[in-house]
C-alpha cells in the first residue's frame, strides 16, 4: 500500500498512473480508462488487467451486473412545460438507435459515419496532433443514451470506452443481477437527511481508512468497535433507513 495513497490528489494520481515504468501494482477504480493510457489496459498486451472478484464466505465470486452500453441520469419535466408528451419523447429518443448514436458519439458526418458495410466508423480530426477523445468531446452532445447493439461489440468510437468495454467483458461470468442497485429518486425531505449525514460519514470513513492502513500504531481489531460506534453516532442508522425505504419502494 502506497503510504501516500490517502493524501494523493487526483492530478498526482493521474501523473503516477501515466508514468513509465509502472509505479503501482494494483489500482482500485471504476473508470481505469480515465486514469491511464489505453495501451496499459489492452486486454491482450496491457500491463494492467481486470481482476476477478474475490470469493465471499460461501466461496462465490460475484459482481453486480450492469448494462455496460447504457448511461443514465435524472431528468424532470416542469409544470410550465406546454407539451410534456413531446418532452418525454425527446428524452426517449436518446435510447433508440438514431438518438443513441447521437447521444454517445455526436453528429453523423462530423464525428462518425456509416461505412459501405453499414458499420459505424470514426471520422478522425484533420489535425493529426489532436487526439480522438478531445475531438469527440468537442463535437458531441455527451448526454445520457444507449450504444446501439450492433456497435457495442467493438465500440469503434471512443477509445477509452472500447478499453473499458473489453475489460468488463471478462467479468461477465461473475455477473449477477441479485445485487444490482437501482437508480433511486429521493423526496426533498429524504434529500435533506442525506445531505445532513452522508458527507460527514464519508469523511470519517476516508480518514479512518487512512489511519487503519497507513498508521504504524493502528490496531484495527482493537479499534473496530469504536469505529462502528462512531459511525452510528454520526448518523449511519438514520441514513441507512432512508436508503432502505427508498430501495424497498423501488421494487
Protein backbone atom coordinates (compact mmCIF):
# COMPACT_ATOMS: atom_id res chain seq x y z
CA UNK A 1 0.00 0.00 0.00
CA UNK A 2 1.36 3.38 -1.02
CA UNK A 3 1.78 5.39 2.22
CA UNK A 4 0.66 8.50 0.31
CA UNK A 5 -2.46 6.79 -1.05
CA UNK A 6 -4.88 8.62 1.24
CA UNK A 7 -3.45 12.05 0.52
CA UNK A 8 -2.83 11.90 -3.23
CA UNK A 9 -4.75 14.49 -5.23
CA UNK A 10 -6.46 13.34 -8.46
CA UNK A 11 -3.81 15.11 -10.55
CA UNK A 12 -0.99 13.46 -8.60
CA UNK A 13 -2.57 10.01 -9.03
CA UNK A 14 -3.09 10.71 -12.72
CA UNK A 15 0.59 11.58 -13.16
CA UNK A 16 1.69 8.44 -11.28
CA UNK A 17 -0.51 6.17 -13.40
CA UNK A 18 0.84 7.64 -16.63
CA UNK A 19 4.45 7.25 -15.53
CA UNK A 20 6.92 4.85 -17.11
CA UNK A 21 7.79 2.34 -15.82
CA UNK A 22 4.65 1.44 -13.91
CA UNK A 23 4.54 2.72 -10.33
CA UNK A 24 1.57 0.75 -8.97
CA UNK A 25 0.95 -2.99 -8.97
CA UNK A 26 -2.80 -2.76 -8.23
CA UNK A 27 -5.22 0.14 -8.70
CA UNK A 28 -8.82 0.24 -7.45
CA UNK A 29 -11.05 2.30 -9.72
CA UNK A 30 -14.37 2.13 -11.56
CA UNK A 31 -13.00 4.07 -14.52
CA UNK A 32 -9.50 2.83 -15.39
CA UNK A 33 -9.75 4.35 -18.86
CA UNK A 34 -9.78 7.80 -17.27
CA UNK A 35 -6.61 7.17 -15.24
CA UNK A 36 -4.08 5.70 -17.66
CA UNK A 37 -3.18 5.27 -21.29
CA UNK A 38 -5.29 2.83 -23.29
CA UNK A 39 -2.16 0.83 -24.17
CA UNK A 40 -1.69 -0.03 -20.49
CA UNK A 41 -5.20 -1.52 -20.41
CA UNK A 42 -5.12 -3.50 -23.64
CA UNK A 43 -6.86 -6.83 -22.94
CA UNK A 44 -4.06 -8.80 -24.61
CA UNK A 45 -0.87 -6.84 -24.03
CA UNK A 46 -1.61 -4.22 -21.36
CA UNK A 47 0.32 -4.07 -18.10
CA UNK A 48 -2.96 -3.74 -16.17
CA UNK A 49 -5.73 -6.35 -16.40
CA UNK A 50 -9.06 -6.51 -14.61
CA UNK A 51 -9.05 -8.77 -11.54
CA UNK A 52 -11.81 -11.32 -10.95
CA UNK A 53 -13.93 -10.64 -7.85
CA UNK A 54 -12.72 -12.04 -4.54
CA UNK A 55 -14.50 -15.04 -3.05
CA UNK A 56 -17.08 -14.41 -0.35
CA UNK A 57 -17.57 -16.59 2.73
CA UNK A 58 -19.52 -19.07 0.58
CA UNK A 59 -16.76 -19.36 -1.97
CA UNK A 60 -18.74 -17.37 -4.56
CA UNK A 61 -17.20 -14.82 -6.92
CA UNK A 62 -19.90 -12.30 -7.78
CA UNK A 63 -20.23 -8.77 -9.13
CA UNK A 64 -23.29 -6.64 -9.76
CA UNK A 65 -24.49 -6.96 -13.35
CA UNK A 66 -24.81 -3.64 -15.14
CA UNK A 67 -25.86 -2.56 -18.60
CA UNK A 68 -22.40 -1.58 -19.81
CA UNK A 69 -23.63 0.02 -23.02
CA UNK A 70 -26.14 2.37 -21.38
CA UNK A 71 -25.76 5.60 -19.47
CA UNK A 72 -28.38 7.08 -17.22
CA UNK A 73 -29.24 10.31 -15.50
CA UNK A 74 -32.15 12.12 -13.91
CA UNK A 75 -34.46 14.45 -15.81
CA UNK A 76 -37.57 16.42 -14.95
CA UNK A 77 -40.44 17.98 -16.89
CA UNK A 78 -41.68 21.10 -15.15
CA UNK A 79 -45.30 22.12 -14.70
CA UNK A 80 -44.60 25.04 -17.07
CA UNK A 81 -43.88 22.67 -19.96
CA UNK A 82 -46.56 23.25 -22.61
CA UNK A 83 -46.09 19.83 -24.22
CA UNK A 84 -44.84 17.25 -21.69
CA UNK A 85 -45.52 14.40 -24.13
CA UNK A 86 -43.08 15.88 -26.64
CA UNK A 87 -40.53 16.45 -23.89
CA UNK A 88 -40.71 12.80 -22.84
CA UNK A 89 -40.44 11.64 -26.46
CA UNK A 90 -37.32 13.79 -26.81
CA UNK A 91 -35.75 12.12 -23.77
CA UNK A 92 -36.74 8.68 -25.06
CA UNK A 93 -35.15 9.48 -28.43
CA UNK A 94 -31.66 9.07 -26.98
CA UNK A 95 -32.42 5.43 -26.12
CA UNK A 96 -33.20 4.42 -29.70
CA UNK A 97 -30.63 3.62 -32.39
CA UNK A 98 -30.50 7.03 -34.07
CA UNK A 99 -30.67 9.00 -30.85
CA UNK A 100 -28.26 6.64 -29.12
CA UNK A 101 -25.62 7.22 -31.76
CA UNK A 102 -26.13 10.97 -31.50
CA UNK A 103 -26.05 10.94 -27.69
CA UNK A 104 -22.98 8.74 -27.38
CA UNK A 105 -20.94 9.73 -30.43
CA UNK A 106 -22.12 13.10 -31.72
CA UNK A 107 -23.31 14.32 -35.10
CA UNK A 108 -23.24 11.95 -38.05
CA UNK A 109 -20.88 13.10 -40.78
CA UNK A 110 -18.77 15.09 -38.32
CA UNK A 111 -17.52 12.65 -35.68
CA UNK A 112 -18.75 9.37 -37.17
CA UNK A 113 -20.49 7.89 -40.19
CA UNK A 114 -21.55 4.56 -41.67
CA UNK A 115 -19.15 2.71 -43.96
CA UNK A 116 -20.13 0.69 -47.05
CA UNK A 117 -20.97 -2.28 -44.80
CA UNK A 118 -23.34 -0.23 -42.69
CA UNK A 119 -20.95 -0.21 -39.72
CA UNK A 120 -20.19 2.83 -37.58
CA UNK A 121 -16.73 4.26 -38.20
CA UNK A 122 -14.76 7.12 -36.74
CA UNK A 123 -14.12 10.34 -38.65
CA UNK A 124 -10.72 11.43 -37.41
CA UNK A 125 -9.80 15.09 -36.99
CA UNK A 126 -7.84 16.63 -39.84
CA UNK A 127 -5.13 17.76 -37.43
CA UNK A 128 -3.07 14.63 -36.62
CA UNK A 129 -1.88 16.15 -33.34
CA UNK A 130 -5.44 16.20 -31.95
CA UNK A 131 -6.42 13.02 -30.08
CA UNK A 132 -9.74 11.41 -30.85
CA UNK A 133 -11.22 11.75 -27.35
CA UNK A 134 -10.72 15.56 -27.23
CA UNK A 135 -12.05 15.72 -30.81
CA UNK A 136 -15.13 13.72 -29.90
CA UNK A 137 -15.83 15.76 -26.75
CA UNK A 138 -15.65 19.00 -28.71
CA UNK A 139 -18.15 17.79 -31.30
CA UNK A 140 -20.60 15.68 -29.29
CA UNK A 141 -23.54 16.38 -27.01
CA UNK A 142 -22.48 13.96 -24.23
CA UNK A 143 -25.97 13.27 -22.89
CA UNK A 144 -27.29 10.00 -21.43
CA UNK A 145 -28.15 7.37 -24.01
CA UNK A 146 -27.53 3.81 -25.11
CA UNK A 147 -24.96 2.47 -27.55
CA UNK A 148 -26.83 0.54 -30.28
CA UNK A 149 -26.20 -3.18 -30.05
CA UNK A 150 -24.50 -3.53 -33.43
CA UNK A 151 -21.80 -1.05 -32.43
CA UNK A 152 -21.43 -2.15 -28.81
CA UNK A 153 -19.41 -5.25 -29.65
CA UNK A 154 -16.50 -3.22 -30.99
CA UNK A 155 -17.21 0.30 -29.69
CA UNK A 156 -15.32 1.93 -32.50
CA UNK A 157 -15.81 5.48 -31.40
CA UNK A 158 -14.31 6.38 -28.05
CA UNK A 159 -11.01 4.59 -27.47
CA UNK A 160 -11.47 4.89 -23.71
CA UNK A 161 -14.90 3.25 -23.92
CA UNK A 162 -13.53 0.44 -26.04
CA UNK A 163 -10.85 -0.33 -23.46
CA UNK A 164 -13.30 -0.42 -20.56
CA UNK A 165 -15.87 -2.41 -22.52
CA UNK A 166 -13.42 -5.16 -23.48
CA UNK A 167 -12.06 -5.37 -19.95
CA UNK A 168 -15.55 -5.59 -18.45
CA UNK A 169 -16.48 -8.39 -20.85
CA UNK A 170 -14.01 -10.56 -18.92
CA UNK A 171 -16.18 -10.19 -15.80
CA UNK A 172 -19.40 -11.45 -17.39
CA UNK A 173 -19.05 -14.99 -15.95
CA UNK A 174 -19.26 -13.49 -12.44
CA UNK A 175 -22.14 -11.07 -13.07
CA UNK A 176 -25.43 -11.37 -11.20
CA UNK A 177 -28.44 -9.10 -11.00
CA UNK A 178 -29.03 -10.11 -7.38
CA UNK A 179 -27.01 -7.12 -6.15
CA UNK A 180 -27.90 -4.60 -8.85
CA UNK A 181 -28.70 -1.28 -7.17
CA UNK A 182 -31.48 0.68 -8.93
CA UNK A 183 -31.36 4.40 -9.54
CA UNK A 184 -33.17 5.85 -6.54
CA UNK A 185 -35.15 9.10 -6.55
CA UNK A 186 -35.44 10.78 -3.16
CA UNK A 187 -38.03 13.19 -1.83
CA UNK A 188 -36.91 16.66 -0.70
CA UNK A 189 -37.21 15.50 2.91
CA UNK A 190 -35.05 12.44 2.28
CA UNK A 191 -32.52 14.56 0.41
CA UNK A 192 -32.25 16.84 3.44
CA UNK A 193 -31.46 13.86 5.66
CA UNK A 194 -28.87 12.54 3.21
CA UNK A 195 -27.13 15.91 2.98
CA UNK A 196 -27.15 16.15 6.80
CA UNK A 197 -25.34 12.86 7.41
CA UNK A 198 -23.73 11.45 4.27
CA UNK A 199 -20.76 13.75 3.76
CA UNK A 200 -19.71 13.60 7.41
CA UNK A 201 -19.89 9.80 7.28
CA UNK A 202 -17.84 9.62 4.08
CA UNK A 203 -15.22 11.95 5.51
CA UNK A 204 -14.92 9.88 8.68
CA UNK A 205 -14.68 6.62 6.71
CA UNK A 206 -11.91 8.02 4.49
CA UNK A 207 -9.95 9.34 7.46
CA UNK A 208 -10.33 6.03 9.29
CA UNK A 209 -9.22 4.04 6.25
CA UNK A 210 -6.09 6.14 6.01
CA UNK A 211 -5.39 5.60 9.69
CA UNK A 212 -6.01 1.83 9.61
CA UNK A 213 -3.84 1.28 6.54
CA UNK A 214 -1.01 3.75 6.98
CA UNK A 215 -0.55 4.46 10.69
CA UNK A 216 2.07 2.17 12.28
CA UNK A 217 0.20 2.39 15.59
CA UNK A 218 -3.23 1.45 14.21
CA UNK A 219 -4.87 -1.70 15.58
CA UNK A 220 -7.96 -2.50 13.52
CA UNK A 221 -9.14 -5.31 15.77
CA UNK A 222 -8.88 -3.20 18.91
CA UNK A 223 -10.35 -0.06 17.35
CA UNK A 224 -13.11 -1.63 15.24
CA UNK A 225 -15.94 -1.48 17.79
CA UNK A 226 -15.14 2.16 18.49
CA UNK A 227 -15.12 2.86 14.76
CA UNK A 228 -18.60 1.34 14.32
CA UNK A 229 -19.89 3.23 17.36
CA UNK A 230 -18.63 6.50 15.89
CA UNK A 231 -20.38 5.77 12.60
CA UNK A 232 -23.62 5.27 14.48
CA UNK A 233 -23.16 8.48 16.44
CA UNK A 234 -22.65 10.43 13.19
CA UNK A 235 -25.93 9.10 11.81
CA UNK A 236 -25.30 5.84 9.92
CA UNK A 237 -28.51 4.11 11.04
CA UNK A 238 -30.69 7.06 10.03
CA UNK A 239 -29.01 7.30 6.63
CA UNK A 240 -29.45 3.56 6.03
CA UNK A 241 -33.14 3.86 6.93
CA UNK A 242 -33.64 6.44 4.20
CA UNK A 243 -31.83 4.40 1.55
CA UNK A 244 -33.53 1.14 2.59
CA UNK A 245 -37.00 2.68 2.48
CA UNK A 246 -36.42 4.13 -0.97
CA UNK A 247 -34.91 0.85 -2.20
CA UNK A 248 -37.89 -1.15 -0.91
CA UNK A 249 -40.29 1.29 -2.59
CA UNK A 250 -38.46 0.85 -5.93
CA UNK A 251 -39.04 -2.91 -6.13
